[in-house]
Amino acid sequence: MTRDAKELEPVEWLGTRYEIILSKEASGGAMSIVRSEAPPDSGPPLHVHHDADETFVMLSGEAEFVLDGQRKSLQAGETIFVPRGQHHTFRVVGDAPSRHLVILTPGGFEGFFVEMGRDQLAIPEDMEEITKRAAQYHLSFTGPPLAAM
């Protein structure tokens, strides 16, 4: 089963472009894959996915990741696996945007990107609403973005 083409259209939120290339529905719930392009110095607040493993595949650019307190720099061609329940974040470093794949198992979290892009909620102004919606996708924010750490 596939999603409506309109739901698969790329969305932009806080300067990052998200394109769902495999939806939860198309994989029977097993996984989702999102292609993302994030600008320099961008990245989410520290967070944890309670019900999904997350894999980042760096296509271009460079990003610094924090996974359970350990920092690691990733270049194009490198991958990092984030088991569910692990606190993590990242920040795009350098002058170039980061293009990467986000693979979630099981799928479903891609709906969060669609909602945020559709409604253009801002951080920190709309953090209460963002946190409420994130909980519906089994995500908790646990700290600041990496740039503030």
N, C-alpha and C. Protein backbone atom coordinates (compact mmCIF):
# COMPACT_ATOMS: atom_id res chain seq x y z
N MET A 1 0.86 -1.18 0.00
CA MET A 1 0.00 0.00 0.00
C MET A 1 0.90 1.24 0.00
N THR A 2 0.54 2.24 -0.78
CA THR A 2 1.32 3.47 -0.83
C THR A 2 0.48 4.63 -0.32
N ARG A 3 1.17 5.69 0.04
CA ARG A 3 0.49 6.90 0.49
C ARG A 3 0.07 7.73 -0.71
N ASP A 4 -0.87 8.61 -0.46
CA ASP A 4 -1.27 9.59 -1.45
C ASP A 4 -0.03 10.39 -1.87
N ALA A 5 0.10 10.66 -3.17
CA ALA A 5 1.28 11.37 -3.68
C ALA A 5 1.48 12.70 -2.98
N LYS A 6 0.41 13.38 -2.61
CA LYS A 6 0.54 14.67 -1.94
C LYS A 6 1.26 14.52 -0.60
N GLU A 7 1.00 13.41 0.12
CA GLU A 7 1.66 13.19 1.40
C GLU A 7 3.14 12.88 1.24
N LEU A 8 3.56 12.47 0.05
CA LEU A 8 4.96 12.16 -0.20
C LEU A 8 5.73 13.34 -0.76
N GLU A 9 5.06 14.46 -1.00
CA GLU A 9 5.75 15.65 -1.48
C GLU A 9 6.73 16.13 -0.42
N PRO A 10 7.91 16.60 -0.83
CA PRO A 10 8.87 17.10 0.16
C PRO A 10 8.27 18.25 0.97
N VAL A 11 8.70 18.33 2.22
CA VAL A 11 8.30 19.42 3.10
C VAL A 11 9.57 20.08 3.63
N GLU A 12 9.45 21.34 4.01
CA GLU A 12 10.56 22.05 4.62
C GLU A 12 10.14 22.52 5.99
N TRP A 13 11.03 22.33 6.94
CA TRP A 13 10.78 22.77 8.32
C TRP A 13 12.08 23.28 8.91
N LEU A 14 12.08 24.51 9.37
CA LEU A 14 13.23 25.15 9.98
C LEU A 14 14.48 25.07 9.11
N GLY A 15 14.28 25.22 7.79
CA GLY A 15 15.39 25.24 6.85
C GLY A 15 15.83 23.88 6.35
N THR A 16 15.26 22.81 6.89
CA THR A 16 15.61 21.46 6.46
C THR A 16 14.52 20.91 5.56
N ARG A 17 14.94 20.30 4.47
CA ARG A 17 14.01 19.70 3.51
C ARG A 17 13.93 18.20 3.79
N TYR A 18 12.71 17.69 3.90
CA TYR A 18 12.46 16.26 4.15
C TYR A 18 11.66 15.69 2.99
N GLU A 19 12.15 14.57 2.47
CA GLU A 19 11.45 13.89 1.39
C GLU A 19 11.29 12.42 1.78
N ILE A 20 10.05 11.98 1.94
CA ILE A 20 9.79 10.59 2.30
C ILE A 20 9.95 9.76 1.04
N ILE A 21 10.93 8.85 1.07
CA ILE A 21 11.14 8.01 -0.10
C ILE A 21 10.61 6.60 0.12
N LEU A 22 10.33 6.23 1.36
CA LEU A 22 9.62 4.99 1.67
C LEU A 22 8.78 5.24 2.92
N SER A 23 7.47 5.15 2.79
CA SER A 23 6.59 5.40 3.93
C SER A 23 6.32 4.12 4.72
N LYS A 24 5.84 4.32 5.92
CA LYS A 24 5.42 3.20 6.78
C LYS A 24 4.41 2.33 6.03
N GLU A 25 3.48 2.98 5.37
CA GLU A 25 2.42 2.25 4.66
C GLU A 25 3.00 1.40 3.53
N ALA A 26 3.97 1.95 2.81
CA ALA A 26 4.54 1.22 1.68
C ALA A 26 5.37 0.02 2.12
N SER A 27 5.85 0.04 3.38
CA SER A 27 6.66 -1.08 3.88
C SER A 27 5.87 -2.01 4.79
N GLY A 28 4.56 -1.82 4.85
CA GLY A 28 3.75 -2.63 5.76
C GLY A 28 4.07 -2.36 7.22
N GLY A 29 4.59 -1.15 7.50
CA GLY A 29 4.91 -0.75 8.87
C GLY A 29 6.33 -1.07 9.29
N ALA A 30 7.05 -1.84 8.48
CA ALA A 30 8.38 -2.31 8.88
C ALA A 30 9.40 -1.18 9.03
N MET A 31 9.33 -0.18 8.15
CA MET A 31 10.34 0.88 8.17
C MET A 31 9.86 2.08 7.39
N SER A 32 10.62 3.16 7.52
CA SER A 32 10.44 4.32 6.66
C SER A 32 11.82 4.87 6.35
N ILE A 33 11.94 5.53 5.19
CA ILE A 33 13.19 6.16 4.80
C ILE A 33 12.88 7.59 4.38
N VAL A 34 13.62 8.53 4.96
CA VAL A 34 13.45 9.95 4.66
C VAL A 34 14.78 10.49 4.17
N ARG A 35 14.76 11.15 3.02
CA ARG A 35 15.95 11.85 2.53
C ARG A 35 15.86 13.27 3.05
N SER A 36 16.95 13.75 3.64
CA SER A 36 16.94 15.05 4.29
C SER A 36 18.12 15.89 3.82
N GLU A 37 17.88 17.19 3.67
CA GLU A 37 18.96 18.13 3.40
C GLU A 37 18.87 19.24 4.43
N ALA A 38 19.91 19.32 5.27
CA ALA A 38 19.91 20.25 6.40
C ALA A 38 21.02 21.29 6.23
N PRO A 39 20.73 22.55 6.53
CA PRO A 39 21.73 23.60 6.35
C PRO A 39 22.81 23.57 7.43
N PRO A 40 23.95 24.22 7.18
CA PRO A 40 25.00 24.29 8.19
C PRO A 40 24.47 24.83 9.53
N ASP A 41 25.02 24.30 10.60
CA ASP A 41 24.70 24.67 11.99
C ASP A 41 23.31 24.24 12.43
N SER A 42 22.59 23.48 11.63
CA SER A 42 21.26 23.04 12.04
C SER A 42 21.34 21.68 12.71
N GLY A 43 20.30 21.36 13.45
CA GLY A 43 20.17 20.07 14.11
C GLY A 43 19.11 20.14 15.19
N PRO A 44 18.54 19.01 15.54
CA PRO A 44 17.43 18.99 16.50
C PRO A 44 17.92 19.06 17.95
N PRO A 45 17.02 19.37 18.86
CA PRO A 45 17.36 19.24 20.28
C PRO A 45 17.67 17.78 20.63
N LEU A 46 18.40 17.57 21.70
CA LEU A 46 18.66 16.23 22.20
C LEU A 46 17.32 15.53 22.40
N HIS A 47 17.23 14.27 21.94
CA HIS A 47 15.94 13.58 22.02
C HIS A 47 16.13 12.07 22.06
N VAL A 48 15.02 11.38 22.27
CA VAL A 48 15.03 9.92 22.30
C VAL A 48 13.77 9.40 21.61
N HIS A 49 13.95 8.40 20.75
CA HIS A 49 12.83 7.68 20.13
C HIS A 49 12.57 6.46 21.00
N HIS A 50 11.38 6.34 21.54
CA HIS A 50 11.07 5.26 22.47
C HIS A 50 10.69 3.97 21.76
N ASP A 51 10.28 4.05 20.50
CA ASP A 51 9.76 2.85 19.83
C ASP A 51 10.43 2.54 18.50
N ALA A 52 11.49 3.26 18.13
CA ALA A 52 12.09 3.04 16.82
C ALA A 52 13.60 3.16 16.87
N ASP A 53 14.27 2.29 16.13
CA ASP A 53 15.70 2.44 15.87
C ASP A 53 15.85 3.41 14.72
N GLU A 54 16.97 4.14 14.70
CA GLU A 54 17.19 5.15 13.67
C GLU A 54 18.61 4.97 13.12
N THR A 55 18.71 4.98 11.81
CA THR A 55 20.01 4.88 11.15
C THR A 55 20.18 6.10 10.26
N PHE A 56 21.32 6.76 10.38
CA PHE A 56 21.66 7.90 9.52
C PHE A 56 22.72 7.44 8.53
N VAL A 57 22.49 7.69 7.25
CA VAL A 57 23.46 7.42 6.20
C VAL A 57 23.83 8.77 5.61
N MET A 58 25.06 9.18 5.80
CA MET A 58 25.52 10.48 5.30
C MET A 58 25.81 10.38 3.80
N LEU A 59 25.13 11.20 3.02
CA LEU A 59 25.32 11.23 1.57
C LEU A 59 26.32 12.31 1.17
N SER A 60 26.26 13.46 1.84
CA SER A 60 27.21 14.54 1.60
C SER A 60 27.25 15.44 2.82
N GLY A 61 28.31 16.22 2.91
CA GLY A 61 28.47 17.10 4.05
C GLY A 61 29.07 16.38 5.24
N GLU A 62 29.01 17.06 6.38
CA GLU A 62 29.57 16.53 7.62
C GLU A 62 28.65 16.90 8.77
N ALA A 63 28.53 15.99 9.71
CA ALA A 63 27.71 16.26 10.89
C ALA A 63 28.39 15.68 12.12
N GLU A 64 28.21 16.36 13.23
CA GLU A 64 28.69 15.88 14.51
C GLU A 64 27.48 15.29 15.24
N PHE A 65 27.62 14.07 15.70
CA PHE A 65 26.56 13.38 16.41
C PHE A 65 26.92 13.23 17.87
N VAL A 66 25.91 13.24 18.72
CA VAL A 66 26.05 12.86 20.11
C VAL A 66 25.08 11.70 20.33
N LEU A 67 25.63 10.59 20.79
CA LEU A 67 24.85 9.39 21.08
C LEU A 67 25.19 8.94 22.48
N ASP A 68 24.22 9.09 23.38
CA ASP A 68 24.41 8.78 24.80
C ASP A 68 25.69 9.39 25.36
N GLY A 69 25.89 10.67 25.06
CA GLY A 69 26.99 11.43 25.63
C GLY A 69 28.30 11.33 24.87
N GLN A 70 28.42 10.44 23.90
CA GLN A 70 29.64 10.28 23.12
C GLN A 70 29.52 11.06 21.81
N ARG A 71 30.55 11.86 21.49
CA ARG A 71 30.55 12.64 20.25
C ARG A 71 31.27 11.89 19.14
N LYS A 72 30.74 12.02 17.93
CA LYS A 72 31.34 11.37 16.76
C LYS A 72 31.06 12.23 15.54
N SER A 73 32.08 12.43 14.72
CA SER A 73 31.92 13.17 13.48
C SER A 73 31.69 12.20 12.34
N LEU A 74 30.71 12.49 11.51
CA LEU A 74 30.41 11.64 10.35
C LEU A 74 30.58 12.42 9.07
N GLN A 75 31.22 11.77 8.09
CA GLN A 75 31.45 12.33 6.76
C GLN A 75 30.56 11.59 5.77
N ALA A 76 30.53 12.10 4.55
CA ALA A 76 29.81 11.43 3.47
C ALA A 76 30.29 9.98 3.35
N GLY A 77 29.33 9.06 3.20
CA GLY A 77 29.64 7.65 3.07
C GLY A 77 29.64 6.90 4.39
N GLU A 78 29.52 7.60 5.51
CA GLU A 78 29.52 6.94 6.82
C GLU A 78 28.10 6.82 7.36
N THR A 79 27.93 5.90 8.28
CA THR A 79 26.62 5.58 8.84
C THR A 79 26.72 5.50 10.35
N ILE A 80 25.64 5.87 11.03
CA ILE A 80 25.55 5.69 12.48
C ILE A 80 24.19 5.08 12.80
N PHE A 81 24.20 4.10 13.69
CA PHE A 81 22.98 3.43 14.14
C PHE A 81 22.64 3.93 15.53
N VAL A 82 21.39 4.34 15.72
CA VAL A 82 20.91 4.84 17.01
C VAL A 82 19.81 3.90 17.50
N PRO A 83 20.12 3.03 18.46
CA PRO A 83 19.09 2.13 18.98
C PRO A 83 17.99 2.90 19.70
N ARG A 84 16.78 2.40 19.63
CA ARG A 84 15.67 3.04 20.35
C ARG A 84 16.06 3.18 21.82
N GLY A 85 15.59 4.27 22.42
CA GLY A 85 15.88 4.52 23.82
C GLY A 85 17.19 5.23 24.08
N GLN A 86 17.99 5.51 23.05
CA GLN A 86 19.28 6.18 23.21
C GLN A 86 19.12 7.69 22.96
N HIS A 87 19.60 8.49 23.88
CA HIS A 87 19.55 9.94 23.74
C HIS A 87 20.56 10.34 22.65
N HIS A 88 20.12 11.20 21.72
CA HIS A 88 20.99 11.58 20.63
C HIS A 88 20.58 12.91 20.01
N THR A 89 21.50 13.48 19.26
CA THR A 89 21.26 14.66 18.45
C THR A 89 22.40 14.77 17.45
N PHE A 90 22.31 15.75 16.58
CA PHE A 90 23.40 16.03 15.64
C PHE A 90 23.36 17.49 15.25
N ARG A 91 24.48 17.93 14.67
CA ARG A 91 24.59 19.29 14.14
C ARG A 91 25.41 19.23 12.87
N VAL A 92 24.92 19.88 11.82
CA VAL A 92 25.64 19.96 10.56
C VAL A 92 26.81 20.92 10.77
N VAL A 93 28.02 20.47 10.44
CA VAL A 93 29.22 21.30 10.61
C VAL A 93 29.80 21.62 9.24
N GLY A 94 30.60 22.68 9.19
CA GLY A 94 31.19 23.11 7.93
C GLY A 94 30.29 24.08 7.20
N ASP A 95 30.67 24.40 5.98
CA ASP A 95 29.95 25.39 5.19
C ASP A 95 28.90 24.80 4.26
N ALA A 96 28.90 23.49 4.11
CA ALA A 96 27.98 22.84 3.17
C ALA A 96 26.82 22.20 3.91
N PRO A 97 25.67 22.11 3.25
CA PRO A 97 24.55 21.39 3.86
C PRO A 97 24.89 19.90 3.97
N SER A 98 24.16 19.22 4.81
CA SER A 98 24.28 17.76 4.93
C SER A 98 23.09 17.14 4.22
N ARG A 99 23.39 16.20 3.35
CA ARG A 99 22.35 15.37 2.75
C ARG A 99 22.51 14.00 3.37
N HIS A 100 21.43 13.48 3.91
CA HIS A 100 21.49 12.17 4.56
C HIS A 100 20.16 11.45 4.49
N LEU A 101 20.23 10.14 4.64
CA LEU A 101 19.03 9.32 4.75
C LEU A 101 18.78 9.05 6.23
N VAL A 102 17.53 9.07 6.62
CA VAL A 102 17.12 8.68 7.96
C VAL A 102 16.23 7.45 7.78
N ILE A 103 16.70 6.32 8.31
CA ILE A 103 15.97 5.06 8.20
C ILE A 103 15.43 4.72 9.58
N LEU A 104 14.12 4.58 9.69
CA LEU A 104 13.47 4.30 10.97
C LEU A 104 12.82 2.93 10.93
N THR A 105 13.09 2.13 11.97
CA THR A 105 12.47 0.81 12.06
C THR A 105 11.89 0.62 13.46
N PRO A 106 10.60 0.39 13.57
CA PRO A 106 9.62 0.38 12.49
C PRO A 106 9.35 1.79 11.97
N GLY A 107 8.61 1.87 10.90
CA GLY A 107 8.26 3.16 10.32
C GLY A 107 7.17 3.86 11.10
N GLY A 108 6.95 5.11 10.75
CA GLY A 108 5.88 5.89 11.35
C GLY A 108 6.29 7.28 11.74
N PHE A 109 7.54 7.45 12.17
CA PHE A 109 7.98 8.76 12.64
C PHE A 109 8.01 9.79 11.51
N GLU A 110 8.08 9.34 10.26
CA GLU A 110 8.11 10.28 9.14
C GLU A 110 6.91 11.22 9.16
N GLY A 111 5.80 10.79 9.76
CA GLY A 111 4.62 11.64 9.89
C GLY A 111 4.88 12.90 10.70
N PHE A 112 5.82 12.83 11.64
CA PHE A 112 6.19 14.01 12.44
C PHE A 112 6.77 15.09 11.52
N PHE A 113 7.67 14.71 10.60
CA PHE A 113 8.25 15.68 9.67
C PHE A 113 7.17 16.32 8.80
N VAL A 114 6.22 15.50 8.35
CA VAL A 114 5.12 16.02 7.53
C VAL A 114 4.31 17.05 8.32
N GLU A 115 3.96 16.73 9.55
CA GLU A 115 3.18 17.67 10.38
C GLU A 115 3.94 18.97 10.63
N MET A 116 5.21 18.86 10.99
CA MET A 116 5.99 20.06 11.30
C MET A 116 6.14 20.93 10.05
N GLY A 117 6.38 20.31 8.91
CA GLY A 117 6.50 21.07 7.67
C GLY A 117 5.19 21.72 7.27
N ARG A 118 4.10 21.01 7.47
CA ARG A 118 2.78 21.54 7.12
C ARG A 118 2.43 22.74 8.00
N ASP A 119 2.70 22.62 9.31
CA ASP A 119 2.24 23.63 10.25
C ASP A 119 3.29 24.68 10.60
N GLN A 120 4.54 24.48 10.17
CA GLN A 120 5.62 25.44 10.36
C GLN A 120 5.74 25.92 11.81
N LEU A 121 5.78 24.96 12.73
CA LEU A 121 5.98 25.30 14.13
C LEU A 121 7.44 25.68 14.34
N ALA A 122 7.70 26.64 15.22
CA ALA A 122 9.05 27.18 15.42
C ALA A 122 9.62 26.76 16.77
N ILE A 123 10.93 26.59 16.78
CA ILE A 123 11.67 26.34 18.02
C ILE A 123 12.40 27.63 18.36
N PRO A 124 12.32 28.17 19.55
CA PRO A 124 11.68 27.63 20.74
C PRO A 124 10.24 28.10 20.95
N GLU A 125 9.76 29.01 20.10
CA GLU A 125 8.45 29.64 20.34
C GLU A 125 7.31 28.62 20.50
N ASP A 126 7.29 27.59 19.70
CA ASP A 126 6.18 26.62 19.71
C ASP A 126 6.58 25.29 20.35
N MET A 127 7.59 25.32 21.22
CA MET A 127 8.13 24.06 21.75
C MET A 127 7.09 23.26 22.53
N GLU A 128 6.18 23.91 23.19
CA GLU A 128 5.14 23.17 23.93
C GLU A 128 4.29 22.33 22.97
N GLU A 129 3.87 22.93 21.87
CA GLU A 129 3.07 22.20 20.87
C GLU A 129 3.91 21.13 20.17
N ILE A 130 5.15 21.45 19.84
CA ILE A 130 6.04 20.48 19.20
C ILE A 130 6.22 19.27 20.11
N THR A 131 6.44 19.51 21.39
CA THR A 131 6.63 18.43 22.36
C THR A 131 5.38 17.56 22.47
N LYS A 132 4.23 18.19 22.46
CA LYS A 132 2.96 17.46 22.52
C LYS A 132 2.81 16.55 21.30
N ARG A 133 3.09 17.08 20.13
CA ARG A 133 2.96 16.27 18.91
C ARG A 133 4.04 15.19 18.84
N ALA A 134 5.24 15.51 19.30
CA ALA A 134 6.32 14.53 19.30
C ALA A 134 5.94 13.31 20.13
N ALA A 135 5.27 13.53 21.24
CA ALA A 135 4.86 12.42 22.10
C ALA A 135 3.94 11.45 21.35
N GLN A 136 3.14 11.96 20.43
CA GLN A 136 2.28 11.09 19.63
C GLN A 136 3.08 10.17 18.71
N TYR A 137 4.33 10.55 18.46
CA TYR A 137 5.24 9.75 17.64
C TYR A 137 6.30 9.06 18.51
N HIS A 138 6.05 8.98 19.81
CA HIS A 138 6.92 8.29 20.76
C HIS A 138 8.31 8.91 20.81
N LEU A 139 8.37 10.23 20.77
CA LEU A 139 9.61 10.98 20.84
C LEU A 139 9.56 11.91 22.04
N SER A 140 10.65 11.96 22.79
CA SER A 140 10.77 12.91 23.90
C SER A 140 12.01 13.76 23.69
N PHE A 141 11.89 15.05 23.92
CA PHE A 141 13.05 15.94 23.91
C PHE A 141 13.66 15.91 25.30
N THR A 142 14.99 15.77 25.36
CA THR A 142 15.66 15.59 26.64
C THR A 142 16.77 16.60 26.90
N GLY A 143 16.95 17.55 25.98
CA GLY A 143 17.98 18.55 26.16
C GLY A 143 18.03 19.52 25.00
N PRO A 144 19.03 20.38 25.01
CA PRO A 144 19.13 21.41 23.97
C PRO A 144 19.74 20.86 22.68
N PRO A 145 19.70 21.65 21.61
CA PRO A 145 20.43 21.29 20.40
C PRO A 145 21.94 21.22 20.69
N LEU A 146 22.68 20.52 19.87
CA LEU A 146 24.11 20.35 20.06
C LEU A 146 24.84 21.69 20.07
N ALA A 147 24.39 22.64 19.28
CA ALA A 147 25.04 23.95 19.24
C ALA A 147 25.02 24.61 20.61
N ALA A 148 24.07 24.27 21.47
CA ALA A 148 23.94 24.88 22.80
C ALA A 148 24.59 24.04 23.90
N MET A 149 25.13 22.88 23.53
CA MET A 149 25.71 21.98 24.54
C MET A 149 27.17 22.30 24.80
